[in-house]
PDB file of N, CA and C in Angstrom:
ATOM      1  N   MET A   1      37.840 -28.170  37.587  1.00  0.00           N
ATOM      2  CA  MET A   1      36.542 -28.808  37.486  1.00  0.00           C
ATOM      3  C   MET A   1      36.612 -30.051  36.598  1.00  0.00           C
ATOM      4  N   LYS A   2      37.458 -30.942  36.974  1.00  0.00           N
ATOM      5  CA  LYS A   2      37.641 -32.171  36.215  1.00  0.00           C
ATOM      6  C   LYS A   2      36.375 -33.019  36.199  1.00  0.00           C
ATOM      7  N   GLY A   3      35.632 -32.995  37.248  1.00  0.00           N
ATOM      8  CA  GLY A   3      34.415 -33.792  37.362  1.00  0.00           C
ATOM      9  C   GLY A   3      33.393 -33.489  36.285  1.00  0.00           C
ATOM     10  N   PHE A   4      33.302 -32.209  35.868  1.00  0.00           N
ATOM     11  CA  PHE A   4      32.351 -31.841  34.830  1.00  0.00           C
ATOM     12  C   PHE A   4      32.753 -32.395  33.472  1.00  0.00           C
ATOM     13  N   GLY A   5      34.050 -32.472  33.211  1.00  0.00           N
ATOM     14  CA  GLY A   5      34.530 -33.068  31.958  1.00  0.00           C
ATOM     15  C   GLY A   5      34.147 -34.527  31.876  1.00  0.00           C
ATOM     16  N   ASP A   6      34.281 -35.232  32.988  1.00  0.00           N
ATOM     17  CA  ASP A   6      33.884 -36.635  33.034  1.00  0.00           C
ATOM     18  C   ASP A   6      32.380 -36.789  32.835  1.00  0.00           C
ATOM     19  N   LEU A   7      31.630 -35.842  33.405  1.00  0.00           N
ATOM     20  CA  LEU A   7      30.180 -35.872  33.270  1.00  0.00           C
ATOM     21  C   LEU A   7      29.779 -35.625  31.817  1.00  0.00           C
ATOM     22  N   ARG A   8      30.440 -34.677  31.168  1.00  0.00           N
ATOM     23  CA  ARG A   8      30.155 -34.400  29.758  1.00  0.00           C
ATOM     24  C   ARG A   8      30.457 -35.629  28.897  1.00  0.00           C
ATOM     25  N   LYS A   9      31.589 -36.260  29.183  1.00  0.00           N
ATOM     26  CA  LYS A   9      31.968 -37.462  28.434  1.00  0.00           C
ATOM     27  C   LYS A   9      30.928 -38.558  28.642  1.00  0.00           C
ATOM     28  N   LEU A  10      30.494 -38.728  29.871  1.00  0.00           N
ATOM     29  CA  LEU A  10      29.475 -39.737  30.175  1.00  0.00           C
ATOM     30  C   LEU A  10      28.165 -39.418  29.469  1.00  0.00           C
ATOM     31  N   MET A  11      27.789 -38.144  29.428  1.00  0.00           N
ATOM     32  CA  MET A  11      26.549 -37.739  28.759  1.00  0.00           C
ATOM     33  C   MET A  11      26.642 -37.989  27.258  1.00  0.00           C
ATOM     34  N   LYS A  12      27.808 -37.727  26.651  1.00  0.00           N
ATOM     35  CA  LYS A  12      27.993 -37.982  25.225  1.00  0.00           C
ATOM     36  C   LYS A  12      27.890 -39.485  24.934  1.00  0.00           C
ATOM     37  N   GLU A  13      28.485 -40.284  25.795  1.00  0.00           N
ATOM     38  CA  GLU A  13      28.415 -41.737  25.617  1.00  0.00           C
ATOM     39  C   GLU A  13      26.975 -42.234  25.765  1.00  0.00           C
ATOM     40  N   ALA A  14      26.251 -41.672  26.714  1.00  0.00           N
ATOM     41  CA  ALA A  14      24.853 -42.059  26.913  1.00  0.00           C
ATOM     42  C   ALA A  14      24.013 -41.666  25.700  1.00  0.00           C
ATOM     43  N   GLN A  15      24.275 -40.495  25.138  1.00  0.00           N
ATOM     44  CA  GLN A  15      23.539 -40.052  23.954  1.00  0.00           C
ATOM     45  C   GLN A  15      23.851 -40.965  22.764  1.00  0.00           C
ATOM     46  N   LYS A  16      25.105 -41.321  22.618  1.00  0.00           N
ATOM     47  CA  LYS A  16      25.508 -42.217  21.528  1.00  0.00           C
ATOM     48  C   LYS A  16      24.821 -43.582  21.677  1.00  0.00           C
ATOM     49  N   LEU A  17      24.781 -44.101  22.904  1.00  0.00           N
ATOM     50  CA  LEU A  17      24.104 -45.373  23.163  1.00  0.00           C
ATOM     51  C   LEU A  17      22.618 -45.262  22.853  1.00  0.00           C
ATOM     52  N   GLN A  18      22.015 -44.159  23.243  1.00  0.00           N
ATOM     53  CA  GLN A  18      20.588 -43.942  22.987  1.00  0.00           C
ATOM     54  C   GLN A  18      20.305 -43.903  21.486  1.00  0.00           C
ATOM     55  N   GLU A  19      21.161 -43.245  20.725  1.00  0.00           N
ATOM     56  CA  GLU A  19      20.996 -43.193  19.273  1.00  0.00           C
ATOM     57  C   GLU A  19      21.150 -44.576  18.652  1.00  0.00           C
ATOM     58  N   GLU A  20      22.108 -45.332  19.142  1.00  0.00           N
ATOM     59  CA  GLU A  20      22.323 -46.685  18.617  1.00  0.00           C
ATOM     60  C   GLU A  20      21.147 -47.603  18.965  1.00  0.00           C
ATOM     61  N   LEU A  21      20.604 -47.444  20.159  1.00  0.00           N
ATOM     62  CA  LEU A  21      19.423 -48.225  20.545  1.00  0.00           C
ATOM     63  C   LEU A  21      18.238 -47.905  19.635  1.00  0.00           C
ATOM     64  N   ALA A  22      18.039 -46.629  19.337  1.00  0.00           N
ATOM     65  CA  ALA A  22      16.943 -46.228  18.447  1.00  0.00           C
ATOM     66  C   ALA A  22      17.145 -46.826  17.056  1.00  0.00           C
ATOM     67  N   LYS A  23      18.377 -46.819  16.590  1.00  0.00           N
ATOM     68  CA  LYS A  23      18.684 -47.397  15.282  1.00  0.00           C
ATOM     69  C   LYS A  23      18.356 -48.896  15.271  1.00  0.00           C
ATOM     70  N   ARG A  24      18.736 -49.589  16.321  1.00  0.00           N
ATOM     71  CA  ARG A  24      18.459 -51.030  16.397  1.00  0.00           C
ATOM     72  C   ARG A  24      16.957 -51.302  16.473  1.00  0.00           C
ATOM     73  N   GLN A  25      16.227 -50.444  17.183  1.00  0.00           N
ATOM     74  CA  GLN A  25      14.770 -50.593  17.256  1.00  0.00           C
ATOM     75  C   GLN A  25      14.154 -50.454  15.867  1.00  0.00           C
ATOM     76  N   GLU A  26      14.645 -49.488  15.094  1.00  0.00           N
ATOM     77  CA  GLU A  26      14.146 -49.297  13.725  1.00  0.00           C
ATOM     78  C   GLU A  26      14.468 -50.511  12.857  1.00  0.00           C
ATOM     79  N   GLU A  27      15.665 -51.072  13.030  1.00  0.00           N
ATOM     80  CA  GLU A  27      16.045 -52.267  12.273  1.00  0.00           C
ATOM     81  C   GLU A  27      15.111 -53.430  12.596  1.00  0.00           C
ATOM     82  N   LEU A  28      14.786 -53.585  13.881  1.00  0.00           N
ATOM     83  CA  LEU A  28      13.878 -54.664  14.279  1.00  0.00           C
ATOM     84  C   LEU A  28      12.487 -54.464  13.682  1.00  0.00           C
ATOM     85  N   GLU A  29      12.087 -53.211  13.528  1.00  0.00           N
ATOM     86  CA  GLU A  29      10.768 -52.919  12.963  1.00  0.00           C
ATOM     87  C   GLU A  29      10.638 -53.450  11.539  1.00  0.00           C
ATOM     88  N   VAL A  30      11.709 -53.386  10.765  1.00  0.00           N
ATOM     89  CA  VAL A  30      11.640 -53.824   9.361  1.00  0.00           C
ATOM     90  C   VAL A  30      12.141 -55.252   9.147  1.00  0.00           C
ATOM     91  N   THR A  31      12.730 -55.838  10.172  1.00  0.00           N
ATOM     92  CA  THR A  31      13.199 -57.224  10.067  1.00  0.00           C
ATOM     93  C   THR A  31      12.001 -58.167  10.055  1.00  0.00           C
ATOM     94  N   ARG A  32      12.070 -59.188   9.239  1.00  0.00           N
ATOM     95  CA  ARG A  32      10.987 -60.178   9.158  1.00  0.00           C
ATOM     96  C   ARG A  32      11.479 -61.529   9.666  1.00  0.00           C
ATOM     97  N   VAL A  33      10.662 -62.157  10.503  1.00  0.00           N
ATOM     98  CA  VAL A  33      10.955 -63.476  11.062  1.00  0.00           C
ATOM     99  C   VAL A  33       9.795 -64.382  10.691  1.00  0.00           C
ATOM    100  N   GLU A  34      10.108 -65.551  10.157  1.00  0.00           N
ATOM    101  CA  GLU A  34       9.084 -66.464   9.651  1.00  0.00           C
ATOM    102  C   GLU A  34       9.119 -67.782  10.409  1.00  0.00           C
ATOM    103  N   ALA A  35       7.944 -68.353  10.619  1.00  0.00           N
ATOM    104  CA  ALA A  35       7.831 -69.695  11.197  1.00  0.00           C
ATOM    105  C   ALA A  35       6.616 -70.368  10.573  1.00  0.00           C
ATOM    106  N   SER A  36       6.667 -71.698  10.538  1.00  0.00           N
ATOM    107  CA  SER A  36       5.548 -72.428   9.943  1.00  0.00           C
ATOM    108  C   SER A  36       5.106 -73.555  10.866  1.00  0.00           C
ATOM    109  N   ALA A  37       3.932 -74.072  10.567  1.00  0.00           N
ATOM    110  CA  ALA A  37       3.374 -75.212  11.300  1.00  0.00           C
ATOM    111  C   ALA A  37       2.703 -76.119  10.282  1.00  0.00           C
ATOM    112  N   GLY A  38       2.560 -77.374  10.655  1.00  0.00           N
ATOM    113  CA  GLY A  38       1.894 -78.319   9.771  1.00  0.00           C
ATOM    114  C   GLY A  38       2.686 -78.570   8.498  1.00  0.00           C
ATOM    115  N   GLY A  39       4.007 -78.631   8.627  1.00  0.00           N
ATOM    116  CA  GLY A  39       4.833 -78.875   7.462  1.00  0.00           C
ATOM    117  C   GLY A  39       4.770 -77.766   6.430  1.00  0.00           C
ATOM    118  N   GLY A  40       4.551 -76.554   6.883  1.00  0.00           N
ATOM    119  CA  GLY A  40       4.484 -75.409   5.978  1.00  0.00           C
ATOM    120  C   GLY A  40       3.074 -75.054   5.547  1.00  0.00           C
ATOM    121  N   ALA A  41       2.084 -75.746   6.096  1.00  0.00           N
ATOM    122  CA  ALA A  41       0.691 -75.469   5.736  1.00  0.00           C
ATOM    123  C   ALA A  41       0.250 -74.083   6.201  1.00  0.00           C
ATOM    124  N   VAL A  42       0.813 -73.642   7.320  1.00  0.00           N
ATOM    125  CA  VAL A  42       0.531 -72.309   7.843  1.00  0.00           C
ATOM    126  C   VAL A  42       1.871 -71.628   8.082  1.00  0.00           C
ATOM    127  N   VAL A  43       2.023 -70.420   7.526  1.00  0.00           N
ATOM    128  CA  VAL A  43       3.266 -69.664   7.670  1.00  0.00           C
ATOM    129  C   VAL A  43       2.933 -68.289   8.254  1.00  0.00           C
ATOM    130  N   ALA A  44       3.591 -67.974   9.357  1.00  0.00           N
ATOM    131  CA  ALA A  44       3.403 -66.680  10.003  1.00  0.00           C
ATOM    132  C   ALA A  44       4.682 -65.869   9.849  1.00  0.00           C
ATOM    133  N   VAL A  45       4.523 -64.583   9.565  1.00  0.00           N
ATOM    134  CA  VAL A  45       5.655 -63.671   9.462  1.00  0.00           C
ATOM    135  C   VAL A  45       5.411 -62.521  10.437  1.00  0.00           C
ATOM    136  N   VAL A  46       6.393 -62.284  11.303  1.00  0.00           N
ATOM    137  CA  VAL A  46       6.321 -61.186  12.264  1.00  0.00           C
ATOM    138  C   VAL A  46       7.535 -60.289  12.053  1.00  0.00           C
ATOM    139  N   ASN A  47       7.469 -59.069  12.588  1.00  0.00           N
ATOM    140  CA  ASN A  47       8.660 -58.228  12.542  1.00  0.00           C
ATOM    141  C   ASN A  47       9.537 -58.544  13.750  1.00  0.00           C
ATOM    142  N   GLY A  48      10.648 -57.855  13.872  1.00  0.00           N
ATOM    143  CA  GLY A  48      11.580 -58.113  14.959  1.00  0.00           C
ATOM    144  C   GLY A  48      11.044 -57.798  16.340  1.00  0.00           C
ATOM    145  N   HIS A  49       9.921 -57.115  16.404  1.00  0.00           N
ATOM    146  CA  HIS A  49       9.260 -56.830  17.682  1.00  0.00           C
ATOM    147  C   HIS A  49       8.163 -57.849  17.987  1.00  0.00           C
ATOM    148  N   GLY A  50       7.936 -58.792  17.052  1.00  0.00           N
ATOM    149  CA  GLY A  50       6.933 -59.824  17.270  1.00  0.00           C
ATOM    150  C   GLY A  50       5.549 -59.476  16.753  1.00  0.00           C
ATOM    151  N   LYS A  51       5.413 -58.351  16.059  1.00  0.00           N
ATOM    152  CA  LYS A  51       4.113 -57.945  15.527  1.00  0.00           C
ATOM    153  C   LYS A  51       3.818 -58.729  14.252  1.00  0.00           C
ATOM    154  N   LEU A  52       2.657 -59.371  14.212  1.00  0.00           N
ATOM    155  CA  LEU A  52       2.270 -60.174  13.061  1.00  0.00           C
ATOM    156  C   LEU A  52       2.125 -59.301  11.826  1.00  0.00           C
ATOM    157  N   LYS A  53       2.842 -59.690  10.750  1.00  0.00           N
ATOM    158  CA  LYS A  53       2.815 -58.930   9.510  1.00  0.00           C
ATOM    159  C   LYS A  53       2.054 -59.659   8.413  1.00  0.00           C
ATOM    160  N   SER A  54       2.146 -60.986   8.385  1.00  0.00           N
ATOM    161  CA  SER A  54       1.381 -61.731   7.389  1.00  0.00           C
ATOM    162  C   SER A  54       1.172 -63.165   7.866  1.00  0.00           C
ATOM    163  N   LEU A  55       0.153 -63.780   7.271  1.00  0.00           N
ATOM    164  CA  LEU A  55      -0.202 -65.145   7.591  1.00  0.00           C
ATOM    165  C   LEU A  55      -0.664 -65.820   6.314  1.00  0.00           C
ATOM    166  N   LYS A  56      -0.049 -66.942   5.990  1.00  0.00           N
ATOM    167  CA  LYS A  56      -0.427 -67.685   4.794  1.00  0.00           C
ATOM    168  C   LYS A  56      -0.940 -69.054   5.211  1.00  0.00           C
ATOM    169  N   ILE A  57      -2.060 -69.447   4.609  1.00  0.00           N
ATOM    170  CA  ILE A  57      -2.685 -70.735   4.914  1.00  0.00           C
ATOM    171  C   ILE A  57      -2.894 -71.484   3.607  1.00  0.00           C
ATOM    172  N   SER A  58      -2.361 -72.699   3.534  1.00  0.00           N
ATOM    173  CA  SER A  58      -2.551 -73.530   2.347  1.00  0.00           C
ATOM    174  C   SER A  58      -3.992 -74.006   2.277  1.00  0.00           C
ATOM    175  N   ARG A  59      -4.500 -74.059   1.079  1.00  0.00           N
ATOM    176  CA  ARG A  59      -5.885 -74.516   0.873  1.00  0.00           C
ATOM    177  C   ARG A  59      -6.103 -75.927   1.419  1.00  0.00           C
ATOM    178  N   GLU A  60      -5.074 -76.738   1.361  1.00  0.00           N
ATOM    179  CA  GLU A  60      -5.204 -78.133   1.775  1.00  0.00           C
ATOM    180  C   GLU A  60      -5.589 -78.301   3.247  1.00  0.00           C
ATOM    181  N   VAL A  61      -5.286 -77.317   4.083  1.00  0.00           N
ATOM    182  CA  VAL A  61      -5.602 -77.458   5.509  1.00  0.00           C
ATOM    183  C   VAL A  61      -6.909 -76.785   5.896  1.00  0.00           C
ATOM    184  N   VAL A  62      -7.594 -76.219   4.939  1.00  0.00           N
ATOM    185  CA  VAL A  62      -8.872 -75.578   5.221  1.00  0.00           C
ATOM    186  C   VAL A  62      -9.969 -76.631   5.063  1.00  0.00           C
ATOM    187  N   ASP A  63     -10.328 -77.207   6.195  1.00  0.00           N
ATOM    188  CA  ASP A  63     -11.351 -78.248   6.231  1.00  0.00           C
ATOM    189  C   ASP A  63     -12.469 -77.777   7.154  1.00  0.00           C
ATOM    190  N   PRO A  64     -13.641 -77.482   6.619  1.00  0.00           N
ATOM    191  CA  PRO A  64     -14.748 -77.003   7.453  1.00  0.00           C
ATOM    192  C   PRO A  64     -15.123 -77.981   8.570  1.00  0.00           C
ATOM    193  N   GLU A  65     -14.754 -79.237   8.396  1.00  0.00           N
ATOM    194  CA  GLU A  65     -15.065 -80.242   9.417  1.00  0.00           C
ATOM    195  C   GLU A  65     -14.023 -80.284  10.533  1.00  0.00           C
ATOM    196  N   ASP A  66     -12.907 -79.584  10.344  1.00  0.00           N
ATOM    197  CA  ASP A  66     -11.834 -79.625  11.349  1.00  0.00           C
ATOM    198  C   ASP A  66     -11.208 -78.241  11.538  1.00  0.00           C
ATOM    199  N   ILE A  67     -12.013 -77.288  11.905  1.00  0.00           N
ATOM    200  CA  ILE A  67     -11.557 -75.910  12.130  1.00  0.00           C
ATOM    201  C   ILE A  67     -10.559 -75.859  13.283  1.00  0.00           C
ATOM    202  N   GLU A  68     -10.727 -76.702  14.278  1.00  0.00           N
ATOM    203  CA  GLU A  68      -9.836 -76.697  15.441  1.00  0.00           C
ATOM    204  C   GLU A  68      -8.387 -76.965  15.035  1.00  0.00           C
ATOM    205  N   MET A  69      -8.166 -77.870  14.091  1.00  0.00           N
ATOM    206  CA  MET A  69      -6.811 -78.155  13.649  1.00  0.00           C
ATOM    207  C   MET A  69      -6.194 -76.913  13.003  1.00  0.00           C
ATOM    208  N   LEU A  70      -6.950 -76.237  12.169  1.00  0.00           N
ATOM    209  CA  LEU A  70      -6.454 -75.033  11.518  1.00  0.00           C
ATOM    210  C   LEU A  70      -6.132 -73.960  12.557  1.00  0.00           C
ATOM    211  N   GLU A  71      -6.997 -73.799  13.522  1.00  0.00           N
ATOM    212  CA  GLU A  71      -6.753 -72.825  14.587  1.00  0.00           C
ATOM    213  C   GLU A  71      -5.458 -73.153  15.332  1.00  0.00           C
ATOM    214  N   ASP A  72      -5.263 -74.421  15.647  1.00  0.00           N
ATOM    215  CA  ASP A  72      -4.042 -74.844  16.342  1.00  0.00           C
ATOM    216  C   ASP A  72      -2.797 -74.568  15.506  1.00  0.00           C
ATOM    217  N   LEU A  73      -2.879 -74.813  14.205  1.00  0.00           N
ATOM    218  CA  LEU A  73      -1.739 -74.558  13.325  1.00  0.00           C
ATOM    219  C   LEU A  73      -1.409 -73.066  13.272  1.00  0.00           C
ATOM    220  N   VAL A  74      -2.440 -72.242  13.200  1.00  0.00           N
ATOM    221  CA  VAL A  74      -2.227 -70.791  13.168  1.00  0.00           C
ATOM    222  C   VAL A  74      -1.569 -70.325  14.458  1.00  0.00           C
ATOM    223  N   VAL A  75      -2.092 -70.759  15.578  1.00  0.00           N
ATOM    224  CA  VAL A  75      -1.527 -70.371  16.872  1.00  0.00           C
ATOM    225  C   VAL A  75      -0.069 -70.828  16.977  1.00  0.00           C
ATOM    226  N   SER A  76       0.205 -72.056  16.579  1.00  0.00           N
ATOM    227  CA  SER A  76       1.569 -72.587  16.655  1.00  0.00           C
ATOM    228  C   SER A  76       2.539 -71.787  15.803  1.00  0.00           C
ATOM    229  N   ALA A  77       2.151 -71.491  14.576  1.00  0.00           N
ATOM    230  CA  ALA A  77       3.032 -70.744  13.679  1.00  0.00           C
ATOM    231  C   ALA A  77       3.297 -69.339  14.210  1.00  0.00           C
ATOM    232  N   VAL A  78       2.256 -68.666  14.681  1.00  0.00           N
ATOM    233  CA  VAL A  78       2.414 -67.306  15.193  1.00  0.00           C
ATOM    234  C   VAL A  78       3.280 -67.305  16.456  1.00  0.00           C
ATOM    235  N   GLN A  79       3.025 -68.212  17.359  1.00  0.00           N
ATOM    236  CA  GLN A  79       3.809 -68.268  18.595  1.00  0.00           C
ATOM    237  C   GLN A  79       5.283 -68.549  18.308  1.00  0.00           C
ATOM    238  N   GLU A  80       5.564 -69.445  17.386  1.00  0.00           N
ATOM    239  CA  GLU A  80       6.953 -69.759  17.057  1.00  0.00           C
ATOM    240  C   GLU A  80       7.640 -68.567  16.405  1.00  0.00           C
ATOM    241  N   ALA A  81       6.954 -67.874  15.517  1.00  0.00           N
ATOM    242  CA  ALA A  81       7.532 -66.684  14.891  1.00  0.00           C
ATOM    243  C   ALA A  81       7.811 -65.611  15.949  1.00  0.00           C
ATOM    244  N   GLN A  82       6.898 -65.427  16.871  1.00  0.00           N
ATOM    245  CA  GLN A  82       7.093 -64.438  17.932  1.00  0.00           C
ATOM    246  C   GLN A  82       8.243 -64.836  18.859  1.00  0.00           C
ATOM    247  N   ARG A  83       8.370 -66.114  19.147  1.00  0.00           N
ATOM    248  CA  ARG A  83       9.475 -66.588  19.984  1.00  0.00           C
ATOM    249  C   ARG A  83      10.809 -66.297  19.306  1.00  0.00           C
ATOM    250  N   ARG A  84      10.880 -66.578  18.010  1.00  0.00           N
ATOM    251  CA  ARG A  84      12.109 -66.324  17.256  1.00  0.00           C
ATOM    252  C   ARG A  84      12.423 -64.829  17.202  1.00  0.00           C
ATOM    253  N   ALA A  85      11.395 -64.020  17.041  1.00  0.00           N
ATOM    254  CA  ALA A  85      11.591 -62.566  17.008  1.00  0.00           C
ATOM    255  C   ALA A  85      12.109 -62.065  18.354  1.00  0.00           C
ATOM    256  N   LYS A  86      11.593 -62.609  19.426  1.00  0.00           N
ATOM    257  CA  LYS A  86      12.040 -62.202  20.761  1.00  0.00           C
ATOM    258  C   LYS A  86      13.511 -62.560  20.958  1.00  0.00           C
ATOM    259  N   GLU A  87      13.895 -63.752  20.527  1.00  0.00           N
ATOM    260  CA  GLU A  87      15.295 -64.160  20.624  1.00  0.00           C
ATOM    261  C   GLU A  87      16.186 -63.232  19.803  1.00  0.00           C
ATOM    262  N   LEU A  88      15.743 -62.903  18.599  1.00  0.00           N
ATOM    263  CA  LEU A  88      16.503 -62.008  17.742  1.00  0.00           C
ATOM    264  C   LEU A  88      16.652 -60.637  18.390  1.00  0.00           C
ATOM    265  N   ALA A  89      15.567 -60.109  18.930  1.00  0.00           N
ATOM    266  CA  ALA A  89      15.600 -58.795  19.574  1.00  0.00           C
ATOM    267  C   ALA A  89      16.537 -58.811  20.778  1.00  0.00           C
ATOM    268  N   GLN A  90      16.498 -59.865  21.558  1.00  0.00           N
ATOM    269  CA  GLN A  90      17.384 -59.951  22.714  1.00  0.00           C
ATOM    270  C   GLN A  90      18.844 -60.007  22.275  1.00  0.00           C
ATOM    271  N   GLU A  91      19.106 -60.722  21.200  1.00  0.00           N
ATOM    272  CA  GLU A  91      20.467 -60.808  20.679  1.00  0.00           C
ATOM    273  C   GLU A  91      20.947 -59.451  20.169  1.00  0.00           C
ATOM    274  N   VAL A  92      20.114 -58.806  19.365  1.00  0.00           N
ATOM    275  CA  VAL A  92      20.478 -57.510  18.778  1.00  0.00           C
ATOM    276  C   VAL A  92      20.655 -56.447  19.859  1.00  0.00           C
ATOM    277  N   MET A  93      19.711 -56.358  20.758  1.00  0.00           N
ATOM    278  CA  MET A  93      19.765 -55.322  21.782  1.00  0.00           C
ATOM    279  C   MET A  93      20.789 -55.672  22.863  1.00  0.00           C
ATOM    280  N   GLY A  94      20.981 -56.949  23.130  1.00  0.00           N
ATOM    281  CA  GLY A  94      21.933 -57.379  24.146  1.00  0.00           C
ATOM    282  C   GLY A  94      23.351 -56.972  23.827  1.00  0.00           C
ATOM    283  N   LYS A  95      23.678 -56.870  22.544  1.00  0.00           N
ATOM    284  CA  LYS A  95      25.018 -56.442  22.148  1.00  0.00           C
ATOM    285  C   LYS A  95      25.293 -55.011  22.616  1.00  0.00           C
ATOM    286  N   LEU A  96      24.250 -54.209  22.668  1.00  0.00           N
ATOM    287  CA  LEU A  96      24.413 -52.814  23.084  1.00  0.00           C
ATOM    288  C   LEU A  96      24.271 -52.630  24.586  1.00  0.00           C
ATOM    289  N   THR A  97      23.325 -53.333  25.172  1.00  0.00           N
ATOM    290  CA  THR A  97      22.999 -53.111  26.567  1.00  0.00           C
ATOM    291  C   THR A  97      23.833 -53.953  27.518  1.00  0.00           C
ATOM    292  N   GLY A  98      24.627 -54.844  26.969  1.00  0.00           N
ATOM    293  CA  GLY A  98      25.445 -55.695  27.808  1.00  0.00           C
ATOM    294  C   GLY A  98      24.617 -56.663  28.628  1.00  0.00           C
ATOM    295  N   GLY A  99      23.402 -56.932  28.172  1.00  0.00           N
ATOM    296  CA  GLY A  99      22.547 -57.895  28.855  1.00  0.00           C
ATOM    297  C   GLY A  99      21.777 -57.324  30.029  1.00  0.00           C
ATOM    298  N   PHE A 100      21.733 -55.989  30.163  1.00  0.00           N
ATOM    299  CA  PHE A 100      20.933 -55.422  31.236  1.00  0.00           C
ATOM    300  C   PHE A 100      19.488 -55.866  31.079  1.00  0.00           C
ATOM    301  N   PRO A 101      18.876 -56.430  32.108  1.00  0.00           N
ATOM    302  CA  PRO A 101      17.528 -56.972  31.979  1.00  0.00           C
ATOM    303  C   PRO A 101      16.429 -55.927  31.827  1.00  0.00           C
ATOM    304  N   ASN A 102      16.677 -54.674  32.171  1.00  0.00           N
ATOM    305  CA  ASN A 102      15.610 -53.669  32.147  1.00  0.00           C
ATOM    306  C   ASN A 102      15.457 -52.955  30.806  1.00  0.00           C
ATOM    307  N   PHE A 103      16.304 -53.282  29.827  1.00  0.00           N
ATOM    308  CA  PHE A 103      16.174 -52.667  28.516  1.00  0.00           C
ATOM    309  C   PHE A 103      15.177 -53.461  27.702  1.00  0.00           C
ATOM    310  N   PRO A 104      14.110 -52.808  27.236  1.00  0.00           N
ATOM    311  CA  PRO A 104      13.112 -53.540  26.444  1.00  0.00           C
ATOM    312  C   PRO A 104      13.636 -53.850  25.040  1.00  0.00           C
ATOM    313  N   PRO A 105      13.269 -55.013  24.494  1.00  0.00           N
ATOM    314  CA  PRO A 105      13.682 -55.343  23.130  1.00  0.00           C
ATOM    315  C   PRO A 105      12.908 -54.554  22.099  1.00  0.00           C
TER     316      PRO A 105
END
């Protein structure tokens, strides 16, 4: 029954990969990625999964007469931080998955 030995080996390898994937997911959860807009006037920090963790806004850009500019800066900073987090997650997870497209970051 040589086939069962190969199956057991494959199952052990799959379990090991699954454990390593879980470990990498946990690492991404605590990893922080930062991006700014407006020359650092707005700074967004997300985790490795792209979840917003903090947002800092300099007093100098808070102008009641120009709320739209502040909104644009916030959106830009958050989007850039999320883009960087996505790239990081793809890099980290891609090392394990060999670039399989169906593995979520």
